[in-house]
Structure formats: C-alpha cells, structure tokens
Amino acid sequence: MREQDEWKSGHVKGAPPIPLSHLGSQLGRLARDAEIIAVCKSGGRSSRGVSILRGAGCERVVNMRGEMTAWERAGLPFAT
C-alpha cells in the first residue's frame, strides 16, 4: 500500500508495488485465494487497503503489525 515515493525509499523485498491509490485498478493482479499482507509506513493506508481487498472477495488479507518500522527494526529483507 506504499505510495511511489515511499516505495523508492524502501519496501519489503519481493512485494509487488501496488500503492493504495492504484489498488482498485490492480485488483486483477491478485489471486483472491492468496494470502495478502498489506503494509505501509504507519498502518492507515494498509488498513484501508485491507478493507478494499476484503470487499473485493480476498479472504486471506491481513494488515502487517508494526508496519515498515517493525520490519526494518527486525532486520528482515528490505529493498530500495
């Protein structure tokens, strides 16, 4: 759910770049039965994204707890 400027500053390695502002037009890229983990910087946009995804029939959607801040602190794979 990270917007383009945030994506360029860093993102979860391997995650597809689908910002919240483009989510509606990108729903076709996502498998409705796949596990989807929404992430942004602080949780606001990813929370809205989870609602959109669930409304579109995606059932296995969660908002990543702690967001990018927690991901970075944990030393998990990060891409720029």
C-alpha atoms as a PDB file:
ATOM      1  CA  MET A   1       0.000   0.000   0.000  1.00  0.00           C
ATOM      2  CA  ARG A   2       3.073   2.214  -0.024  1.00  0.00           C
ATOM      3  CA  GLU A   3       2.929   5.130  -2.418  1.00  0.00           C
ATOM      4  CA  GLN A   4       5.638   5.533  -5.060  1.00  0.00           C
ATOM      5  CA  ASP A   5       7.887   7.895  -3.057  1.00  0.00           C
ATOM      6  CA  GLU A   6       7.791   5.565  -0.041  1.00  0.00           C
ATOM      7  CA  TRP A   7       8.380   2.525  -2.264  1.00  0.00           C
ATOM      8  CA  LYS A   8      11.564   4.105  -3.614  1.00  0.00           C
ATOM      9  CA  SER A   9      12.831   4.765  -0.082  1.00  0.00           C
ATOM     10  CA  GLY A  10      12.376   1.096   0.826  1.00  0.00           C
ATOM     11  CA  HIS A  11       9.954  -1.800   0.773  1.00  0.00           C
ATOM     12  CA  VAL A  12       9.546  -5.456   1.717  1.00  0.00           C
ATOM     13  CA  LYS A  13      11.791  -7.409  -0.625  1.00  0.00           C
ATOM     14  CA  GLY A  14       9.719  -9.268  -3.228  1.00  0.00           C
ATOM     15  CA  ALA A  15       6.482  -7.401  -2.513  1.00  0.00           C
ATOM     16  CA  PRO A  16       4.546  -6.144  -5.558  1.00  0.00           C
ATOM     17  CA  PRO A  17       4.375  -2.340  -5.843  1.00  0.00           C
ATOM     18  CA  ILE A  18       0.646  -1.663  -5.505  1.00  0.00           C
ATOM     19  CA  PRO A  19       0.006   1.692  -3.798  1.00  0.00           C
ATOM     20  CA  LEU A  20      -3.382   2.297  -2.210  1.00  0.00           C
ATOM     21  CA  SER A  21      -4.120   4.966  -4.820  1.00  0.00           C
ATOM     22  CA  HIS A  22      -3.938   2.273  -7.554  1.00  0.00           C
ATOM     23  CA  LEU A  23      -5.347  -0.695  -5.658  1.00  0.00           C
ATOM     24  CA  GLY A  24      -8.776  -0.635  -7.318  1.00  0.00           C
ATOM     25  CA  SER A  25      -7.290  -0.828 -10.809  1.00  0.00           C
ATOM     26  CA  GLN A  26      -4.778  -3.513  -9.786  1.00  0.00           C
ATOM     27  CA  LEU A  27      -7.164  -5.994  -8.148  1.00  0.00           C
ATOM     28  CA  GLY A  28      -6.932  -8.233 -11.223  1.00  0.00           C
ATOM     29  CA  ARG A  29      -3.245  -8.860 -10.468  1.00  0.00           C
ATOM     30  CA  LEU A  30      -4.088 -10.504  -7.152  1.00  0.00           C
ATOM     31  CA  ALA A  31      -5.321 -14.052  -6.636  1.00  0.00           C
ATOM     32  CA  ARG A  32      -8.453 -13.931  -4.487  1.00  0.00           C
ATOM     33  CA  ASP A  33      -7.371 -17.071  -2.613  1.00  0.00           C
ATOM     34  CA  ALA A  34      -3.783 -15.929  -1.957  1.00  0.00           C
ATOM     35  CA  GLU A  35      -2.529 -14.754   1.409  1.00  0.00           C
ATOM     36  CA  ILE A  36      -2.046 -10.986   1.151  1.00  0.00           C
ATOM     37  CA  ILE A  37      -0.189  -8.919   3.716  1.00  0.00           C
ATOM     38  CA  ALA A  38      -0.857  -5.200   3.430  1.00  0.00           C
ATOM     39  CA  VAL A  39       1.871  -2.825   4.592  1.00  0.00           C
ATOM     40  CA  CYS A  40       2.516   0.904   4.638  1.00  0.00           C
ATOM     41  CA  LYS A  41       4.557   3.174   6.884  1.00  0.00           C
ATOM     42  CA  SER A  42       2.185   3.582   9.818  1.00  0.00           C
ATOM     43  CA  GLY A  43      -0.877   1.401   9.162  1.00  0.00           C
ATOM     44  CA  GLY A  44      -3.523   3.852   7.983  1.00  0.00           C
ATOM     45  CA  ARG A  45      -3.401   3.169   4.248  1.00  0.00           C
ATOM     46  CA  SER A  46      -2.791  -0.535   4.642  1.00  0.00           C
ATOM     47  CA  SER A  47      -5.835  -0.754   6.910  1.00  0.00           C
ATOM     48  CA  ARG A  48      -7.946   0.902   4.190  1.00  0.00           C
ATOM     49  CA  GLY A  49      -6.365  -1.436   1.643  1.00  0.00           C
ATOM     50  CA  VAL A  50      -7.366  -4.478   3.703  1.00  0.00           C
ATOM     51  CA  SER A  51     -10.967  -3.236   3.669  1.00  0.00           C
ATOM     52  CA  ILE A  52     -10.884  -2.767  -0.107  1.00  0.00           C
ATOM     53  CA  LEU A  53      -9.352  -6.197  -0.662  1.00  0.00           C
ATOM     54  CA  ARG A  54     -11.844  -7.954   1.592  1.00  0.00           C
ATOM     55  CA  GLY A  55     -14.679  -6.111  -0.157  1.00  0.00           C
ATOM     56  CA  ALA A  56     -13.333  -7.442  -3.458  1.00  0.00           C
ATOM     57  CA  GLY A  57     -13.533 -11.021  -2.214  1.00  0.00           C
ATOM     58  CA  CYS A  58      -9.999 -11.562  -0.923  1.00  0.00           C
ATOM     59  CA  GLU A  59     -10.440 -13.522   2.293  1.00  0.00           C
ATOM     60  CA  ARG A  60      -6.851 -14.116   3.422  1.00  0.00           C
ATOM     61  CA  VAL A  61      -5.812 -10.497   3.936  1.00  0.00           C
ATOM     62  CA  VAL A  62      -4.085  -9.033   6.986  1.00  0.00           C
ATOM     63  CA  ASN A  63      -2.531  -5.725   7.954  1.00  0.00           C
ATOM     64  CA  MET A  64       1.124  -6.222   8.932  1.00  0.00           C
ATOM     65  CA  ARG A  65       1.507  -5.413  12.611  1.00  0.00           C
ATOM     66  CA  GLY A  66       4.168  -2.797  13.260  1.00  0.00           C
ATOM     67  CA  GLU A  67       4.346  -1.858   9.578  1.00  0.00           C
ATOM     68  CA  MET A  68       7.644  -0.984   7.851  1.00  0.00           C
ATOM     69  CA  THR A  69       9.178   0.381  11.042  1.00  0.00           C
ATOM     70  CA  ALA A  70       8.961  -3.027  12.735  1.00  0.00           C
ATOM     71  CA  TRP A  71      10.117  -4.799   9.570  1.00  0.00           C
ATOM     72  CA  GLU A  72      13.269  -2.669   9.401  1.00  0.00           C
ATOM     73  CA  ARG A  73      13.998  -2.978  13.134  1.00  0.00           C
ATOM     74  CA  ALA A  74      13.764  -6.764  12.863  1.00  0.00           C
ATOM     75  CA  GLY A  75      16.430  -6.734  10.132  1.00  0.00           C
ATOM     76  CA  LEU A  76      14.175  -8.523   7.647  1.00  0.00           C
ATOM     77  CA  PRO A  77      14.847  -8.379   3.860  1.00  0.00           C
ATOM     78  CA  PHE A  78      14.442  -4.804   2.691  1.00  0.00           C
ATOM     79  CA  ALA A  79      14.810  -3.447  -0.840  1.00  0.00           C
ATOM     80  CA  THR A  80      15.333   0.041  -2.205  1.00  0.00           C
END
